[in-house]
Protein backbone atom coordinates (compact mmCIF):
# COMPACT_ATOMS: atom_id res chain seq x y z
CA UNK A 1 -9.48 -24.95 -80.44
CA UNK A 2 -5.79 -24.05 -80.01
CA UNK A 3 -4.80 -20.73 -78.42
CA UNK A 4 -3.31 -19.39 -81.58
CA UNK A 5 -6.43 -20.41 -83.59
CA UNK A 6 -8.65 -18.73 -81.01
CA UNK A 7 -6.58 -15.53 -81.15
CA UNK A 8 -6.91 -15.43 -84.90
CA UNK A 9 -10.56 -16.02 -84.70
CA UNK A 10 -11.01 -13.37 -82.12
CA UNK A 11 -9.13 -10.79 -84.27
CA UNK A 12 -11.23 -11.65 -87.29
CA UNK A 13 -14.50 -11.26 -85.31
CA UNK A 14 -13.29 -7.87 -83.86
CA UNK A 15 -12.19 -6.67 -87.35
CA UNK A 16 -15.60 -7.53 -88.76
CA UNK A 17 -17.27 -5.68 -86.00
CA UNK A 18 -15.14 -2.57 -86.67
CA UNK A 19 -15.82 -2.77 -90.32
CA UNK A 20 -19.64 -3.02 -89.71
CA UNK A 21 -19.61 0.09 -87.51
CA UNK A 22 -17.45 1.75 -90.03
CA UNK A 23 -19.88 1.14 -92.81
CA UNK A 24 -22.51 2.60 -90.47
CA UNK A 25 -20.44 5.71 -89.90
CA UNK A 26 -19.67 5.95 -93.74
CA UNK A 27 -23.39 6.34 -94.49
CA UNK A 28 -24.09 8.27 -91.40
CA UNK A 29 -21.35 10.86 -92.34
CA UNK A 30 -22.57 10.94 -95.92
CA UNK A 31 -25.97 11.96 -94.55
CA UNK A 32 -25.06 14.64 -91.99
CA UNK A 33 -21.95 16.03 -93.60
CA UNK A 34 -23.78 16.25 -97.00
CA UNK A 35 -26.34 18.36 -95.03
CA UNK A 36 -23.74 20.48 -93.31
CA UNK A 37 -22.43 21.46 -96.78
CA UNK A 38 -25.59 23.41 -97.56
CA UNK A 39 -27.12 24.17 -94.17
CA UNK A 40 -25.64 27.71 -94.06
CA UNK A 41 -27.06 28.80 -97.42
CA UNK A 42 -30.33 27.05 -96.76
CA UNK A 43 -30.82 28.93 -93.48
CA UNK A 44 -30.04 32.09 -95.36
CA UNK A 45 -32.65 31.27 -98.02
CA UNK A 46 -35.19 31.04 -95.31
CA UNK A 47 -34.21 34.51 -93.98
CA UNK A 48 -31.63 33.73 -91.34
CA UNK A 49 -28.90 36.42 -90.88
CA UNK A 50 -25.15 35.57 -90.90
CA UNK A 51 -25.20 36.05 -87.15
CA UNK A 52 -27.88 33.60 -86.76
CA UNK A 53 -26.11 30.99 -89.00
CA UNK A 54 -22.91 31.38 -86.89
CA UNK A 55 -24.72 31.00 -83.66
CA UNK A 56 -26.77 27.94 -84.84
CA UNK A 57 -23.56 26.27 -86.14
CA UNK A 58 -21.48 26.98 -82.97
CA UNK A 59 -24.21 26.15 -80.48
CA UNK A 60 -24.96 22.98 -82.49
CA UNK A 61 -21.33 21.88 -82.10
CA UNK A 62 -21.40 22.77 -78.36
CA UNK A 63 -24.54 20.59 -78.00
CA UNK A 64 -22.89 17.87 -80.05
CA UNK A 65 -19.85 17.64 -77.75
CA UNK A 66 -21.20 18.99 -74.37
CA UNK A 67 -23.96 16.48 -73.95
CA UNK A 68 -21.60 13.54 -74.35
CA UNK A 69 -20.69 13.81 -70.89
CA UNK A 70 -24.22 12.93 -69.85
CA UNK A 71 -24.73 10.30 -72.43
CA UNK A 72 -21.43 8.63 -71.68
CA UNK A 73 -22.25 8.48 -68.01
CA UNK A 74 -25.72 7.05 -68.67
CA UNK A 75 -24.29 4.44 -71.03
CA UNK A 76 -21.90 3.12 -68.32
CA UNK A 77 -24.54 3.28 -65.59
CA UNK A 78 -27.16 1.39 -67.57
CA UNK A 79 -24.89 -0.82 -69.67
CA UNK A 80 -27.37 -0.17 -72.61
CA UNK A 81 -24.75 0.63 -75.05
CA UNK A 82 -26.57 -0.77 -78.12
CA UNK A 83 -29.99 1.00 -77.08
CA UNK A 84 -28.29 4.43 -76.52
CA UNK A 85 -26.23 4.06 -79.87
CA UNK A 86 -29.32 3.14 -81.88
CA UNK A 87 -31.48 5.94 -80.40
CA UNK A 88 -28.84 8.48 -81.05
CA UNK A 89 -28.26 7.48 -84.59
CA UNK A 90 -31.98 7.60 -85.36
CA UNK A 91 -32.23 11.14 -84.05
CA UNK A 92 -28.94 12.11 -85.65
CA UNK A 93 -29.75 10.86 -89.05
CA UNK A 94 -33.45 11.36 -89.66
CA UNK A 95 -33.36 15.13 -88.63
CA UNK A 96 -31.52 15.67 -91.91
CA UNK A 97 -34.23 14.69 -94.52
CA UNK A 98 -36.84 16.30 -92.33
CA UNK A 99 -35.00 19.62 -93.21
CA UNK A 100 -36.54 19.28 -96.64
CA UNK A 101 -40.00 20.04 -95.02
CA UNK A 102 -38.74 23.09 -93.00
CA UNK A 103 -40.34 26.35 -94.18
CA UNK A 104 -38.94 28.70 -91.45
CA UNK A 105 -35.38 29.33 -90.38
CA UNK A 106 -36.12 28.69 -86.59
CA UNK A 107 -37.62 25.22 -87.47
CA UNK A 108 -34.61 24.43 -89.64
CA UNK A 109 -32.33 25.61 -86.80
CA UNK A 110 -34.01 23.36 -84.37
CA UNK A 111 -33.47 20.39 -86.68
CA UNK A 112 -29.80 21.26 -87.08
CA UNK A 113 -29.38 21.15 -83.34
CA UNK A 114 -31.44 17.94 -82.96
CA UNK A 115 -29.08 16.31 -85.46
CA UNK A 116 -26.17 17.31 -83.28
CA UNK A 117 -28.01 16.15 -80.21
CA UNK A 118 -28.37 12.70 -81.67
CA UNK A 119 -24.70 12.65 -82.27
CA UNK A 120 -23.99 13.52 -78.75
CA UNK A 121 -26.21 10.75 -77.53
CA UNK A 122 -24.72 7.89 -79.60
CA UNK A 123 -21.01 8.70 -79.78
CA UNK A 124 -19.67 7.79 -76.29
CA UNK A 125 -21.60 4.43 -76.20
CA UNK A 126 -20.47 3.61 -79.88
CA UNK A 127 -16.76 4.37 -78.98
CA UNK A 128 -16.97 2.22 -75.84
CA UNK A 129 -18.20 -0.75 -77.98
CA UNK A 130 -15.49 -0.12 -80.49
CA UNK A 131 -12.82 -0.01 -77.79
CA UNK A 132 -13.61 -3.70 -76.96
CA UNK A 133 -12.92 -4.74 -80.58
CA UNK A 134 -9.78 -2.66 -80.94
CA UNK A 135 -8.25 -4.48 -77.91
CA UNK A 136 -8.03 -7.50 -80.23
CA UNK A 137 -6.80 -5.85 -83.42
CA UNK A 138 -4.74 -2.86 -82.02
CA UNK A 139 -6.14 0.31 -80.69
CA UNK A 140 -4.65 2.67 -83.34
CA UNK A 141 -5.42 0.39 -86.25
CA UNK A 142 -9.05 -0.27 -85.15
CA UNK A 143 -9.95 3.32 -84.58
CA UNK A 144 -7.92 4.47 -87.61
CA UNK A 145 -9.85 2.10 -89.78
CA UNK A 146 -13.13 3.28 -88.32
CA UNK A 147 -12.22 6.97 -88.85
CA UNK A 148 -11.08 6.26 -92.39
CA UNK A 149 -14.47 4.80 -93.34
CA UNK A 150 -16.20 7.65 -91.48
CA UNK A 151 -14.37 10.34 -93.38
CA UNK A 152 -14.97 8.46 -96.68
CA UNK A 153 -18.61 9.17 -96.09
CA UNK A 154 -17.75 12.74 -95.12
CA UNK A 155 -16.09 13.18 -98.51
CA UNK A 156 -18.77 11.68 -100.53
CA UNK A 157 -21.81 13.36 -98.87
CA UNK A 158 -20.97 16.93 -99.96
CA UNK A 159 -20.08 15.78 -103.42
CA UNK A 160 -23.49 13.97 -103.67
CA UNK A 161 -25.32 17.11 -102.62
CA UNK A 162 -23.07 19.30 -104.95
CA UNK A 163 -24.15 17.03 -107.87
CA UNK A 164 -27.72 17.57 -107.22
CA UNK A 165 -27.20 21.31 -107.16
CA UNK A 166 -25.31 21.16 -110.34
CA UNK A 167 -28.17 19.32 -111.94
CA UNK A 168 -30.41 22.29 -110.93
CA UNK A 169 -31.82 20.67 -107.90
CA UNK A 170 -32.83 22.53 -104.80
CA UNK A 171 -31.49 22.46 -101.26
CA UNK A 172 -34.65 20.68 -100.20
CA UNK A 173 -34.10 17.95 -102.82
CA UNK A 174 -30.66 17.66 -101.56
CA UNK A 175 -31.79 16.95 -97.87
CA UNK A 176 -34.41 14.64 -99.26
CA UNK A 177 -32.00 12.54 -101.14
CA UNK A 178 -29.94 12.01 -97.95
CA UNK A 179 -32.67 9.90 -96.58
CA UNK A 180 -31.19 6.97 -98.57
CA UNK A 181 -27.96 6.85 -96.78
CA UNK A 182 -29.69 7.55 -93.55
CA UNK A 183 -31.82 4.36 -93.95
CA UNK A 184 -28.78 2.26 -95.07
CA UNK A 185 -26.92 3.33 -91.99
CA UNK A 186 -29.70 2.34 -89.60
CA UNK A 187 -30.35 -1.00 -91.31
CA UNK A 188 -26.67 -1.94 -91.10
CA UNK A 189 -26.53 -0.77 -87.40
CA UNK A 190 -29.55 -3.05 -86.59
CA UNK A 191 -27.81 -6.01 -88.37
CA UNK A 192 -24.65 -5.19 -86.44
CA UNK A 193 -26.80 -5.30 -83.20
CA UNK A 194 -28.04 -8.76 -84.04
CA UNK A 195 -24.56 -10.04 -84.99
CA UNK A 196 -22.85 -8.71 -82.07
CA UNK A 197 -25.31 -8.34 -79.11
CA UNK A 198 -22.45 -8.13 -76.47
CA UNK A 199 -19.38 -6.39 -78.04
CA UNK A 200 -17.75 -6.43 -74.57
CA UNK A 201 -17.05 -10.05 -75.04
CA UNK A 202 -14.52 -9.03 -77.72
CA UNK A 203 -12.21 -7.83 -75.11
CA UNK A 204 -11.14 -10.88 -73.13
CA UNK A 205 -9.91 -9.03 -70.03
CA UNK A 206 -12.40 -6.71 -68.35
CA UNK A 207 -10.87 -4.86 -65.46
CA UNK A 208 -13.04 -2.65 -63.05
CA UNK A 209 -11.51 0.77 -62.67
CA UNK A 210 -11.19 2.81 -59.58
CA UNK A 211 -13.72 5.40 -58.73
CA UNK A 212 -11.55 8.31 -60.21
CA UNK A 213 -9.83 8.58 -63.57
CA UNK A 214 -6.10 8.42 -63.48
CA UNK A 215 -3.98 11.53 -63.43
CA UNK A 216 -2.53 10.80 -66.85
CA UNK A 217 -6.01 11.10 -68.49
CA UNK A 218 -6.54 14.55 -67.15
CA UNK A 219 -3.14 15.54 -68.30
CA UNK A 220 -3.86 14.11 -71.63
CA UNK A 221 -7.27 15.88 -71.81
CA UNK A 222 -5.46 19.18 -70.95
CA UNK A 223 -2.93 18.65 -73.80
CA UNK A 224 -5.37 17.82 -76.51
CA UNK A 225 -7.68 20.81 -75.36
CA UNK A 226 -4.96 23.20 -76.58
CA UNK A 227 -4.84 21.38 -79.87
CA UNK A 228 -8.68 21.74 -80.08
CA UNK A 229 -8.51 25.45 -79.19
CA UNK A 230 -6.02 26.17 -81.89
CA UNK A 231 -7.83 24.11 -84.66
CA UNK A 232 -9.96 26.43 -86.88
CA UNK A 233 -13.30 25.09 -88.10
CA UNK A 234 -13.56 24.62 -91.85
CA UNK A 235 -16.53 27.14 -91.99
CA UNK A 236 -14.14 29.87 -90.82
CA UNK A 237 -11.49 28.62 -93.41
CA UNK A 238 -14.27 28.69 -96.07
CA UNK A 239 -15.36 32.07 -94.99
CA UNK A 240 -11.76 33.38 -95.49
CA UNK A 241 -11.53 31.77 -98.92
CA UNK A 242 -14.72 33.43 -100.00
CA UNK A 243 -13.88 36.75 -98.29
CA UNK A 244 -10.50 37.24 -99.80
CA UNK A 245 -11.17 35.18 -102.96
CA UNK A 246 -7.87 33.31 -102.59
CA UNK A 247 -9.40 30.39 -104.39
CA UNK A 248 -12.49 30.30 -106.74
CA UNK A 249 -15.84 29.96 -105.02
CA UNK A 250 -16.56 26.61 -106.72
CA UNK A 251 -13.40 25.18 -105.25
CA UNK A 252 -14.35 25.72 -101.67
CA UNK A 253 -16.53 22.57 -101.16
CA UNK A 254 -13.99 20.76 -103.29
CA UNK A 255 -11.19 21.69 -100.84
CA UNK A 256 -13.31 20.29 -98.12
CA UNK A 257 -13.75 16.98 -99.77
CA UNK A 258 -10.03 16.85 -100.31
CA UNK A 259 -9.48 17.52 -96.60
CA UNK A 260 -11.96 14.70 -95.72
CA UNK A 261 -10.13 12.31 -98.06
CA UNK A 262 -6.78 13.18 -96.58
CA UNK A 263 -8.33 12.79 -93.04
CA UNK A 264 -9.34 9.21 -94.04
CA UNK A 265 -5.90 8.17 -95.18
CA UNK A 266 -4.13 9.94 -92.31
CA UNK A 267 -6.38 8.10 -89.81
CA UNK A 268 -5.26 4.77 -91.27
CA UNK A 269 -1.53 5.70 -91.32
CA UNK A 270 -1.35 7.24 -87.89
CA UNK A 271 -3.48 4.47 -86.37
CA UNK A 272 -1.14 1.97 -87.74
CA UNK A 273 1.97 3.99 -86.50
CA UNK A 274 0.38 4.48 -83.06
CA UNK A 275 0.35 0.66 -82.50
CA UNK A 276 3.95 0.33 -83.52
CA UNK A 277 5.61 3.59 -82.58
CA UNK A 278 3.54 4.51 -79.55
CA UNK A 279 2.14 7.77 -78.23
CA UNK A 280 4.91 9.89 -79.51
CA UNK A 281 3.43 9.83 -82.94
CA UNK A 282 0.56 12.07 -81.75
CA UNK A 283 3.23 14.66 -80.83
CA UNK A 284 4.67 14.43 -84.28
CA UNK A 285 1.28 15.04 -85.78
CA UNK A 286 0.94 18.23 -83.83
CA UNK A 287 4.09 19.77 -85.51
CA UNK A 288 2.63 18.76 -88.98
CA UNK A 289 -0.94 20.24 -88.34
CA UNK A 290 0.27 23.38 -86.58
CA UNK A 291 1.47 24.59 -90.05
CA UNK A 292 -1.94 24.68 -91.69
CA UNK A 293 -3.00 28.12 -90.37
CA UNK A 294 -0.28 30.31 -92.08
CA UNK A 295 -0.76 28.38 -95.33
CA UNK A 296 -4.53 28.68 -95.23
CA UNK A 297 -4.85 32.25 -94.15
CA UNK A 298 -1.83 33.79 -95.74
CA UNK A 299 -1.42 31.81 -99.06
CA UNK A 300 -2.96 31.81 -102.41
CA UNK A 301 -4.40 28.77 -104.17
CA UNK A 302 -1.65 26.30 -103.89
CA UNK A 303 -0.38 27.25 -100.33
CA UNK A 304 -4.15 27.09 -99.30
CA UNK A 305 -4.46 23.79 -100.78
CA UNK A 306 -1.31 22.54 -98.91
CA UNK A 307 -2.72 24.08 -95.75
CA UNK A 308 -5.99 22.26 -96.14
CA UNK A 309 -4.14 19.03 -96.69
CA UNK A 310 -2.18 19.57 -93.36
CA UNK A 311 -5.53 20.42 -91.68
CA UNK A 312 -6.91 17.07 -92.91
CA UNK A 313 -3.85 15.20 -91.70
CA UNK A 314 -4.27 16.71 -88.21
CA UNK A 315 -8.00 15.74 -88.12
CA UNK A 316 -7.17 12.17 -89.13
CA UNK A 317 -4.38 11.73 -86.66
CA UNK A 318 -6.53 13.27 -83.88
CA UNK A 319 -9.61 11.16 -84.50
CA UNK A 320 -7.68 7.82 -84.64
CA UNK A 321 -5.11 8.20 -81.92
CA UNK A 322 -7.10 10.31 -79.43
CA UNK A 323 -9.85 7.69 -79.05
CA UNK A 324 -7.23 4.79 -79.11
CA UNK A 325 -5.34 6.34 -76.25
CA UNK A 326 -8.38 6.82 -73.99
CA UNK A 327 -9.23 3.16 -74.53
CA UNK A 328 -5.74 2.27 -73.15
CA UNK A 329 -5.94 4.66 -70.21
CA UNK A 330 -9.37 3.79 -68.90
CA UNK A 331 -10.74 0.32 -67.82
CA UNK A 332 -13.49 -1.16 -69.85
CA UNK A 333 -16.35 -0.58 -67.31
CA UNK A 334 -15.96 3.31 -67.42
CA UNK A 335 -15.04 4.05 -71.10
CA UNK A 336 -18.46 5.43 -71.94
CA UNK A 337 -18.05 7.99 -69.16
CA UNK A 338 -14.48 8.61 -70.23
CA UNK A 339 -15.28 9.24 -73.82
CA UNK A 340 -18.11 11.51 -72.68
CA UNK A 341 -15.69 13.53 -70.33
CA UNK A 342 -13.09 13.66 -73.07
CA UNK A 343 -15.37 14.57 -75.96
CA UNK A 344 -17.06 17.32 -73.80
CA UNK A 345 -13.67 18.94 -72.78
CA UNK A 346 -12.38 18.77 -76.25
CA UNK A 347 -15.57 20.22 -77.70
CA UNK A 348 -15.73 23.06 -75.20
CA UNK A 349 -12.20 24.19 -76.07
CA UNK A 350 -12.73 23.73 -79.73
CA UNK A 351 -15.91 26.07 -79.47
CA UNK A 352 -14.08 28.57 -77.35
CA UNK A 353 -10.99 28.58 -79.71
CA UNK A 354 -13.28 28.83 -82.73
CA UNK A 355 -15.24 31.78 -81.29
CA UNK A 356 -11.94 33.61 -80.40
CA UNK A 357 -10.41 32.98 -83.88
CA UNK A 358 -13.53 34.35 -85.39
CA UNK A 359 -13.19 37.46 -83.26
CA UNK A 360 -9.50 37.63 -84.06
CA UNK A 361 -10.22 37.42 -87.78
CA UNK A 362 -11.99 40.66 -87.70
CA UNK A 363 -9.16 42.36 -85.92
CA UNK A 364 -6.05 40.85 -87.38
CA UNK A 365 -5.49 37.62 -89.44
CA UNK A 366 -1.92 37.66 -88.11
CA UNK A 367 -3.15 37.38 -84.67
CA UNK A 368 -5.45 34.53 -85.56
CA UNK A 369 -2.58 32.67 -87.16
CA UNK A 370 -0.28 33.27 -84.17
CA UNK A 371 -2.97 32.07 -81.77
CA UNK A 372 -3.70 28.86 -83.86
CA UNK A 373 -0.02 27.87 -84.08
CA UNK A 374 0.78 28.84 -80.48
CA UNK A 375 -2.12 27.01 -79.03
CA UNK A 376 -1.42 23.81 -80.78
CA UNK A 377 2.28 23.97 -79.81
CA UNK A 378 1.33 24.56 -76.19
CA UNK A 379 -0.02 21.02 -76.09
CA UNK A 380 3.51 19.48 -76.75
CA UNK A 381 4.99 19.75 -73.31
CA UNK A 382 1.90 18.38 -71.77
CA UNK A 383 1.75 15.42 -74.29
CA UNK A 384 5.46 14.80 -73.76
CA UNK A 385 4.81 14.24 -70.07
CA UNK A 386 1.97 11.81 -70.91
CA UNK A 387 4.28 10.07 -73.34
CA UNK A 388 6.83 9.38 -70.67
CA UNK A 389 4.15 8.09 -68.31
CA UNK A 390 2.81 6.06 -71.21
CA UNK A 391 6.21 4.60 -71.90
CA UNK A 392 6.80 3.71 -68.31
CA UNK A 393 3.57 1.77 -68.17
CA UNK A 394 3.07 -0.09 -71.47
CA UNK A 395 -0.08 -2.27 -72.01
């Protein structure tokens, strides 16, 4: 086969692999994001206090990010990327329909944390496999496409659950219905495993990395940690909407679905621009997303909607570009560990920032807004240095 034909065939194969894992993520997000849209009131219906709900949600996210450090390291050490990914998805997804059987808040809370544990197990290994395919089709476009499909599921899941509730269904029936996308996700994942047993073959050049990560990686992680610290969780945004009645209560989940839809489109756009413009597009996205806080926390219906749209744009840009950039910085044999380290650092700062913003909210909304905007903008000088090193060492 001629070199050009081999190149086209390689890109096609890589594209199909990304799409397959994207479909898995679509059904997976449909499952657990659908569940997350009603977890809070479900825990409350079982007798949990608001404090308990907040701790469960926050600690669940900490588990979901923090344990990626361990799972990423194990995936690189064992090279069992598929096994770890499958085990993680099974835990992640099937904890959701089991919630329909929970009759005490502590059991439900344990299942919520188990779902986050499963996500922590599978994410670094899955992203490492995706990184091999994106080498063929473009880092930004590959991760952007995957993120777009992922967020399409995140948009559909809450709408499905909302439809069940509108039809007078219960929270338990909502959790039970999510067994269907969970099963579909696992079936497609197993099919992908059979079709692509060795995804590392999709990346023609496999270079062993030195024992330590390059300095630019740590600088990059420091920069995005500021973004994470200043990025408010949607539950806090939703709490504000309900607390001040800036938008009708029924619109709160709709705003979340809109944000997820914008996230999907932004991931495609920014992933495409990343491959053509370069790392600087991430810096541009920071200036866009930093404006969400004043609009969301100070505005009425329409400013709040605009703020949620900017929040979604920032999420899409981060999820596509950030993973793509790590794939370029780190050689293929240590990407599982790198994604684990990256996600753990990102998650810890997100958790710390969210906790601080929750505290600031009770003191001064103005202080919360200033912190959110300021923390995100503090990332720009660090990311600018990363950009200069990036441009000096193009791939």
